[in-house]
PDB file of N, CA and C in Angstrom:
ATOM      1  N   MET A   1      14.013  39.300 -42.413  1.00  0.00           N
ATOM      2  CA  MET A   1      13.617  39.493 -43.781  1.00  0.00           C
ATOM      3  C   MET A   1      13.514  40.992 -44.040  1.00  0.00           C
ATOM      4  N   PRO A   2      14.080  41.461 -45.128  1.00  0.00           N
ATOM      5  CA  PRO A   2      14.007  42.885 -45.432  1.00  0.00           C
ATOM      6  C   PRO A   2      12.582  43.305 -45.798  1.00  0.00           C
ATOM      7  N   LEU A   3      12.265  44.546 -45.491  1.00  0.00           N
ATOM      8  CA  LEU A   3      10.971  45.136 -45.803  1.00  0.00           C
ATOM      9  C   LEU A   3      11.201  46.189 -46.870  1.00  0.00           C
ATOM     10  N   THR A   4      10.338  46.227 -47.866  1.00  0.00           N
ATOM     11  CA  THR A   4      10.469  47.225 -48.927  1.00  0.00           C
ATOM     12  C   THR A   4       9.525  48.380 -48.637  1.00  0.00           C
ATOM     13  N   SER A   5      10.050  49.600 -48.668  1.00  0.00           N
ATOM     14  CA  SER A   5       9.233  50.787 -48.414  1.00  0.00           C
ATOM     15  C   SER A   5       8.418  51.131 -49.654  1.00  0.00           C
ATOM     16  N   ALA A   6       7.543  52.118 -49.507  1.00  0.00           N
ATOM     17  CA  ALA A   6       6.725  52.579 -50.636  1.00  0.00           C
ATOM     18  C   ALA A   6       7.584  53.120 -51.773  1.00  0.00           C
ATOM     19  N   TYR A   7       8.821  53.504 -51.454  1.00  0.00           N
ATOM     20  CA  TYR A   7       9.726  54.068 -52.464  1.00  0.00           C
ATOM     21  C   TYR A   7      10.665  53.023 -53.051  1.00  0.00           C
ATOM     22  N   GLY A   8      10.450  51.750 -52.704  1.00  0.00           N
ATOM     23  CA  GLY A   8      11.274  50.689 -53.239  1.00  0.00           C
ATOM     24  C   GLY A   8      12.573  50.467 -52.486  1.00  0.00           C
ATOM     25  N   LEU A   9      12.762  51.171 -51.351  1.00  0.00           N
ATOM     26  CA  LEU A   9      13.967  50.997 -50.545  1.00  0.00           C
ATOM     27  C   LEU A   9      13.814  49.785 -49.636  1.00  0.00           C
ATOM     28  N   ILE A  10      14.878  49.060 -49.465  1.00  0.00           N
ATOM     29  CA  ILE A  10      14.846  47.910 -48.560  1.00  0.00           C
ATOM     30  C   ILE A  10      15.225  48.381 -47.163  1.00  0.00           C
ATOM     31  N   ILE A  11      14.356  48.074 -46.204  1.00  0.00           N
ATOM     32  CA  ILE A  11      14.586  48.466 -44.813  1.00  0.00           C
ATOM     33  C   ILE A  11      14.849  47.208 -43.993  1.00  0.00           C
ATOM     34  N   GLU A  12      16.034  47.114 -43.428  1.00  0.00           N
ATOM     35  CA  GLU A  12      16.382  45.975 -42.572  1.00  0.00           C
ATOM     36  C   GLU A  12      16.014  46.338 -41.142  1.00  0.00           C
ATOM     37  N   MET A  13      15.287  45.456 -40.465  1.00  0.00           N
ATOM     38  CA  MET A  13      14.886  45.711 -39.083  1.00  0.00           C
ATOM     39  C   MET A  13      15.164  44.479 -38.233  1.00  0.00           C
ATOM     40  N   LYS A  14      15.188  44.721 -36.907  1.00  0.00           N
ATOM     41  CA  LYS A  14      15.282  43.609 -35.977  1.00  0.00           C
ATOM     42  C   LYS A  14      14.552  43.987 -34.694  1.00  0.00           C
ATOM     43  N   ALA A  15      14.178  42.965 -33.947  1.00  0.00           N
ATOM     44  CA  ALA A  15      13.521  43.160 -32.656  1.00  0.00           C
ATOM     45  C   ALA A  15      14.549  42.911 -31.566  1.00  0.00           C
ATOM     46  N   LEU A  16      14.710  43.890 -30.693  1.00  0.00           N
ATOM     47  CA  LEU A  16      15.588  43.740 -29.534  1.00  0.00           C
ATOM     48  C   LEU A  16      14.707  43.454 -28.330  1.00  0.00           C
ATOM     49  N   ILE A  17      14.939  42.321 -27.688  1.00  0.00           N
ATOM     50  CA  ILE A  17      14.134  41.908 -26.537  1.00  0.00           C
ATOM     51  C   ILE A  17      15.047  41.765 -25.334  1.00  0.00           C
ATOM     52  N   GLU A  18      14.641  42.396 -24.234  1.00  0.00           N
ATOM     53  CA  GLU A  18      15.386  42.291 -22.979  1.00  0.00           C
ATOM     54  C   GLU A  18      14.414  41.898 -21.881  1.00  0.00           C
ATOM     55  N   ILE A  19      14.773  40.850 -21.120  1.00  0.00           N
ATOM     56  CA  ILE A  19      13.940  40.381 -20.020  1.00  0.00           C
ATOM     57  C   ILE A  19      14.811  40.267 -18.777  1.00  0.00           C
ATOM     58  N   GLU A  20      14.443  41.024 -17.748  1.00  0.00           N
ATOM     59  CA  GLU A  20      15.134  40.960 -16.456  1.00  0.00           C
ATOM     60  C   GLU A  20      14.576  39.788 -15.665  1.00  0.00           C
ATOM     61  N   MET A  21      15.447  38.881 -15.223  1.00  0.00           N
ATOM     62  CA  MET A  21      14.999  37.671 -14.544  1.00  0.00           C
ATOM     63  C   MET A  21      15.471  37.597 -13.093  1.00  0.00           C
ATOM     64  N   GLY A  22      15.870  38.720 -12.509  1.00  0.00           N
ATOM     65  CA  GLY A  22      16.468  38.688 -11.182  1.00  0.00           C
ATOM     66  C   GLY A  22      15.533  39.014 -10.043  1.00  0.00           C
ATOM     67  N   ASN A  23      14.244  38.696 -10.167  1.00  0.00           N
ATOM     68  CA  ASN A  23      13.348  38.977  -9.051  1.00  0.00           C
ATOM     69  C   ASN A  23      12.582  37.724  -8.626  1.00  0.00           C
ATOM     70  N   ALA A  24      11.781  37.860  -7.591  1.00  0.00           N
ATOM     71  CA  ALA A  24      11.112  36.719  -6.963  1.00  0.00           C
ATOM     72  C   ALA A  24      10.179  35.961  -7.905  1.00  0.00           C
ATOM     73  N   ALA A  25       9.578  36.643  -8.865  1.00  0.00           N
ATOM     74  CA  ALA A  25       8.638  35.970  -9.764  1.00  0.00           C
ATOM     75  C   ALA A  25       9.296  34.846 -10.556  1.00  0.00           C
ATOM     76  N   PHE A  26      10.603  34.915 -10.742  1.00  0.00           N
ATOM     77  CA  PHE A  26      11.311  33.902 -11.516  1.00  0.00           C
ATOM     78  C   PHE A  26      11.739  32.703 -10.677  1.00  0.00           C
ATOM     79  N   GLY A  27      11.333  32.673  -9.422  1.00  0.00           N
ATOM     80  CA  GLY A  27      11.495  31.488  -8.592  1.00  0.00           C
ATOM     81  C   GLY A  27      12.913  31.187  -8.167  1.00  0.00           C
ATOM     82  N   ASN A  28      13.052  29.983  -7.611  1.00  0.00           N
ATOM     83  CA  ASN A  28      14.319  29.554  -7.021  1.00  0.00           C
ATOM     84  C   ASN A  28      14.960  28.380  -7.736  1.00  0.00           C
ATOM     85  N   ASN A  29      14.339  27.901  -8.804  1.00  0.00           N
ATOM     86  CA  ASN A  29      14.933  26.772  -9.523  1.00  0.00           C
ATOM     87  C   ASN A  29      14.672  26.926 -11.021  1.00  0.00           C
ATOM     88  N   GLU A  30      15.274  26.050 -11.795  1.00  0.00           N
ATOM     89  CA  GLU A  30      15.190  26.170 -13.260  1.00  0.00           C
ATOM     90  C   GLU A  30      13.763  26.040 -13.775  1.00  0.00           C
ATOM     91  N   ALA A  31      12.982  25.131 -13.209  1.00  0.00           N
ATOM     92  CA  ALA A  31      11.607  24.927 -13.675  1.00  0.00           C
ATOM     93  C   ALA A  31      10.765  26.183 -13.461  1.00  0.00           C
ATOM     94  N   GLU A  32      10.861  26.787 -12.273  1.00  0.00           N
ATOM     95  CA  GLU A  32      10.106  28.008 -11.992  1.00  0.00           C
ATOM     96  C   GLU A  32      10.561  29.149 -12.890  1.00  0.00           C
ATOM     97  N   ARG A  33      11.863  29.243 -13.102  1.00  0.00           N
ATOM     98  CA  ARG A  33      12.426  30.300 -13.939  1.00  0.00           C
ATOM     99  C   ARG A  33      11.926  30.175 -15.380  1.00  0.00           C
ATOM    100  N   LEU A  34      11.958  28.960 -15.908  1.00  0.00           N
ATOM    101  CA  LEU A  34      11.512  28.744 -17.286  1.00  0.00           C
ATOM    102  C   LEU A  34      10.011  28.972 -17.437  1.00  0.00           C
ATOM    103  N   PHE A  35       9.230  28.577 -16.431  1.00  0.00           N
ATOM    104  CA  PHE A  35       7.791  28.798 -16.477  1.00  0.00           C
ATOM    105  C   PHE A  35       7.482  30.296 -16.533  1.00  0.00           C
ATOM    106  N   GLU A  36       8.106  31.075 -15.674  1.00  0.00           N
ATOM    107  CA  GLU A  36       7.871  32.520 -15.657  1.00  0.00           C
ATOM    108  C   GLU A  36       8.387  33.173 -16.938  1.00  0.00           C
ATOM    109  N   LEU A  37       9.530  32.723 -17.433  1.00  0.00           N
ATOM    110  CA  LEU A  37      10.078  33.262 -18.676  1.00  0.00           C
ATOM    111  C   LEU A  37       9.104  33.043 -19.822  1.00  0.00           C
ATOM    112  N   ARG A  38       8.513  31.869 -19.880  1.00  0.00           N
ATOM    113  CA  ARG A  38       7.528  31.591 -20.928  1.00  0.00           C
ATOM    114  C   ARG A  38       6.317  32.510 -20.790  1.00  0.00           C
ATOM    115  N   GLN A  39       5.819  32.677 -19.572  1.00  0.00           N
ATOM    116  CA  GLN A  39       4.663  33.541 -19.336  1.00  0.00           C
ATOM    117  C   GLN A  39       4.953  34.988 -19.762  1.00  0.00           C
ATOM    118  N   VAL A  40       6.107  35.495 -19.368  1.00  0.00           N
ATOM    119  CA  VAL A  40       6.477  36.874 -19.692  1.00  0.00           C
ATOM    120  C   VAL A  40       6.652  37.038 -21.202  1.00  0.00           C
ATOM    121  N   THR A  41       7.287  36.074 -21.839  1.00  0.00           N
ATOM    122  CA  THR A  41       7.504  36.138 -23.289  1.00  0.00           C
ATOM    123  C   THR A  41       6.176  36.154 -24.035  1.00  0.00           C
ATOM    124  N   GLU A  42       5.243  35.307 -23.610  1.00  0.00           N
ATOM    125  CA  GLU A  42       3.928  35.289 -24.251  1.00  0.00           C
ATOM    126  C   GLU A  42       3.201  36.623 -24.061  1.00  0.00           C
ATOM    127  N   ARG A  43       3.284  37.194 -22.852  1.00  0.00           N
ATOM    128  CA  ARG A  43       2.659  38.495 -22.600  1.00  0.00           C
ATOM    129  C   ARG A  43       3.290  39.582 -23.471  1.00  0.00           C
ATOM    130  N   LEU A  44       4.607  39.527 -23.610  1.00  0.00           N
ATOM    131  CA  LEU A  44       5.309  40.519 -24.411  1.00  0.00           C
ATOM    132  C   LEU A  44       4.835  40.485 -25.864  1.00  0.00           C
ATOM    133  N   ILE A  45       4.742  39.305 -26.433  1.00  0.00           N
ATOM    134  CA  ILE A  45       4.299  39.182 -27.827  1.00  0.00           C
ATOM    135  C   ILE A  45       2.830  39.583 -27.960  1.00  0.00           C
ATOM    136  N   ASP A  46       1.998  39.197 -26.989  1.00  0.00           N
ATOM    137  CA  ASP A  46       0.591  39.620 -27.013  1.00  0.00           C
ATOM    138  C   ASP A  46       0.490  41.145 -26.973  1.00  0.00           C
ATOM    139  N   ASN A  47       1.261  41.778 -26.100  1.00  0.00           N
ATOM    140  CA  ASN A  47       1.235  43.233 -25.985  1.00  0.00           C
ATOM    141  C   ASN A  47       1.737  43.902 -27.262  1.00  0.00           C
ATOM    142  N   ALA A  48       2.793  43.347 -27.854  1.00  0.00           N
ATOM    143  CA  ALA A  48       3.327  43.896 -29.100  1.00  0.00           C
ATOM    144  C   ALA A  48       2.290  43.793 -30.213  1.00  0.00           C
ATOM    145  N   THR A  49       1.543  42.711 -30.225  1.00  0.00           N
ATOM    146  CA  THR A  49       0.492  42.528 -31.227  1.00  0.00           C
ATOM    147  C   THR A  49      -0.629  43.536 -31.018  1.00  0.00           C
ATOM    148  N   GLN A  50      -1.018  43.761 -29.771  1.00  0.00           N
ATOM    149  CA  GLN A  50      -2.100  44.716 -29.481  1.00  0.00           C
ATOM    150  C   GLN A  50      -1.762  46.133 -29.920  1.00  0.00           C
ATOM    151  N   VAL A  51      -0.503  46.525 -29.748  1.00  0.00           N
ATOM    152  CA  VAL A  51      -0.123  47.893 -30.143  1.00  0.00           C
ATOM    153  C   VAL A  51       0.462  47.950 -31.558  1.00  0.00           C
ATOM    154  N   MET A  52       0.438  46.822 -32.249  1.00  0.00           N
ATOM    155  CA  MET A  52       0.948  46.731 -33.624  1.00  0.00           C
ATOM    156  C   MET A  52       2.404  47.174 -33.721  1.00  0.00           C
ATOM    157  N   ALA A  53       3.247  46.687 -32.812  1.00  0.00           N
ATOM    158  CA  ALA A  53       4.678  47.022 -32.827  1.00  0.00           C
ATOM    159  C   ALA A  53       5.353  46.247 -33.950  1.00  0.00           C
ATOM    160  N   ALA A  54       5.479  46.883 -35.110  1.00  0.00           N
ATOM    161  CA  ALA A  54       6.013  46.181 -36.268  1.00  0.00           C
ATOM    162  C   ALA A  54       6.951  47.022 -37.124  1.00  0.00           C
ATOM    163  N   LYS A  55       7.167  48.283 -36.744  1.00  0.00           N
ATOM    164  CA  LYS A  55       8.060  49.122 -37.553  1.00  0.00           C
ATOM    165  C   LYS A  55       9.105  49.764 -36.650  1.00  0.00           C
ATOM    166  N   ALA A  56      10.170  50.221 -37.251  1.00  0.00           N
ATOM    167  CA  ALA A  56      11.265  50.827 -36.489  1.00  0.00           C
ATOM    168  C   ALA A  56      10.730  51.941 -35.600  1.00  0.00           C
ATOM    169  N   GLY A  57      11.152  51.907 -34.341  1.00  0.00           N
ATOM    170  CA  GLY A  57      10.714  52.888 -33.366  1.00  0.00           C
ATOM    171  C   GLY A  57       9.599  52.388 -32.467  1.00  0.00           C
ATOM    172  N   ASP A  58       8.943  51.298 -32.849  1.00  0.00           N
ATOM    173  CA  ASP A  58       7.859  50.764 -32.031  1.00  0.00           C
ATOM    174  C   ASP A  58       8.418  50.061 -30.795  1.00  0.00           C
ATOM    175  N   TYR A  59       7.572  49.966 -29.774  1.00  0.00           N
ATOM    176  CA  TYR A  59       7.998  49.481 -28.464  1.00  0.00           C
ATOM    177  C   TYR A  59       6.841  48.753 -27.791  1.00  0.00           C
ATOM    178  N   ALA A  60       7.163  47.721 -27.016  1.00  0.00           N
ATOM    179  CA  ALA A  60       6.173  47.037 -26.183  1.00  0.00           C
ATOM    180  C   ALA A  60       6.873  46.586 -24.907  1.00  0.00           C
ATOM    181  N   SER A  61       6.084  46.337 -23.868  1.00  0.00           N
ATOM    182  CA  SER A  61       6.645  45.853 -22.615  1.00  0.00           C
ATOM    183  C   SER A  61       5.688  44.834 -22.010  1.00  0.00           C
ATOM    184  N   ALA A  62       6.168  44.118 -20.975  1.00  0.00           N
ATOM    185  CA  ALA A  62       5.334  43.130 -20.285  1.00  0.00           C
ATOM    186  C   ALA A  62       5.768  43.023 -18.832  1.00  0.00           C
ATOM    187  N   GLN A  63       4.833  42.571 -18.020  1.00  0.00           N
ATOM    188  CA  GLN A  63       5.076  42.426 -16.591  1.00  0.00           C
ATOM    189  C   GLN A  63       5.163  40.955 -16.201  1.00  0.00           C
ATOM    190  N   ASP A  64       5.846  40.701 -15.078  1.00  0.00           N
ATOM    191  CA  ASP A  64       5.886  39.349 -14.523  1.00  0.00           C
ATOM    192  C   ASP A  64       4.620  39.115 -13.700  1.00  0.00           C
ATOM    193  N   THR A  65       4.482  37.946 -13.095  1.00  0.00           N
ATOM    194  CA  THR A  65       3.274  37.627 -12.330  1.00  0.00           C
ATOM    195  C   THR A  65       3.128  38.494 -11.087  1.00  0.00           C
ATOM    196  N   ASN A  66       4.198  39.151 -10.653  1.00  0.00           N
ATOM    197  CA  ASN A  66       4.120  40.063  -9.513  1.00  0.00           C
ATOM    198  C   ASN A  66       3.788  41.494  -9.925  1.00  0.00           C
ATOM    199  N   GLY A  67       3.656  41.744 -11.220  1.00  0.00           N
ATOM    200  CA  GLY A  67       3.296  43.067 -11.704  1.00  0.00           C
ATOM    201  C   GLY A  67       4.463  43.978 -12.025  1.00  0.00           C
ATOM    202  N   ASN A  68       5.673  43.464 -11.934  1.00  0.00           N
ATOM    203  CA  ASN A  68       6.860  44.268 -12.258  1.00  0.00           C
ATOM    204  C   ASN A  68       7.106  44.266 -13.767  1.00  0.00           C
ATOM    205  N   THR A  69       7.385  45.434 -14.337  1.00  0.00           N
ATOM    206  CA  THR A  69       7.739  45.491 -15.755  1.00  0.00           C
ATOM    207  C   THR A  69       9.149  44.942 -15.909  1.00  0.00           C
ATOM    208  N   VAL A  70       9.262  43.796 -16.575  1.00  0.00           N
ATOM    209  CA  VAL A  70      10.551  43.108 -16.693  1.00  0.00           C
ATOM    210  C   VAL A  70      10.963  42.853 -18.133  1.00  0.00           C
ATOM    211  N   ALA A  71      10.048  43.068 -19.083  1.00  0.00           N
ATOM    212  CA  ALA A  71      10.358  42.756 -20.479  1.00  0.00           C
ATOM    213  C   ALA A  71      10.121  43.966 -21.365  1.00  0.00           C
ATOM    214  N   LYS A  72      11.038  44.164 -22.299  1.00  0.00           N
ATOM    215  CA  LYS A  72      10.933  45.267 -23.252  1.00  0.00           C
ATOM    216  C   LYS A  72      11.276  44.754 -24.643  1.00  0.00           C
ATOM    217  N   LEU A  73      10.521  45.228 -25.616  1.00  0.00           N
ATOM    218  CA  LEU A  73      10.777  44.888 -27.009  1.00  0.00           C
ATOM    219  C   LEU A  73      10.852  46.204 -27.782  1.00  0.00           C
ATOM    220  N   HIS A  74      11.922  46.378 -28.519  1.00  0.00           N
ATOM    221  CA  HIS A  74      12.113  47.573 -29.364  1.00  0.00           C
ATOM    222  C   HIS A  74      12.337  47.079 -30.797  1.00  0.00           C
ATOM    223  N   ILE A  75      11.653  47.675 -31.730  1.00  0.00           N
ATOM    224  CA  ILE A  75      11.896  47.406 -33.154  1.00  0.00           C
ATOM    225  C   ILE A  75      12.856  48.492 -33.640  1.00  0.00           C
ATOM    226  N   VAL A  76      13.973  48.087 -34.215  1.00  0.00           N
ATOM    227  CA  VAL A  76      14.991  49.038 -34.668  1.00  0.00           C
ATOM    228  C   VAL A  76      15.422  48.704 -36.085  1.00  0.00           C
ATOM    229  N   GLU A  77      15.918  49.732 -36.783  1.00  0.00           N
ATOM    230  CA  GLU A  77      16.522  49.482 -38.097  1.00  0.00           C
ATOM    231  C   GLU A  77      17.876  48.844 -37.881  1.00  0.00           C
ATOM    232  N   ASP A  78      18.224  47.944 -38.734  1.00  0.00           N
ATOM    233  CA  ASP A  78      19.492  47.215 -38.610  1.00  0.00           C
ATOM    234  C   ASP A  78      20.568  47.897 -39.421  1.00  0.00           C
TER     235      ASP A  78
END
């Protein structure tokens, strides 16, 4: 959805999310992988909410259950 600036300009934005799933925390089967993916995704959104990542240039990250930073969210202009 476009955002209107204080000057009446429409600003198109999108969230770019990247999650690395190639480590031990993501397990050895589909169920373990999906469980960890859900956990990391929830942490990422919680972290983005805490830092109010909602405008172009904002950034958030999240760790897996082993403490590795595996998820990144960037808000960019489209």
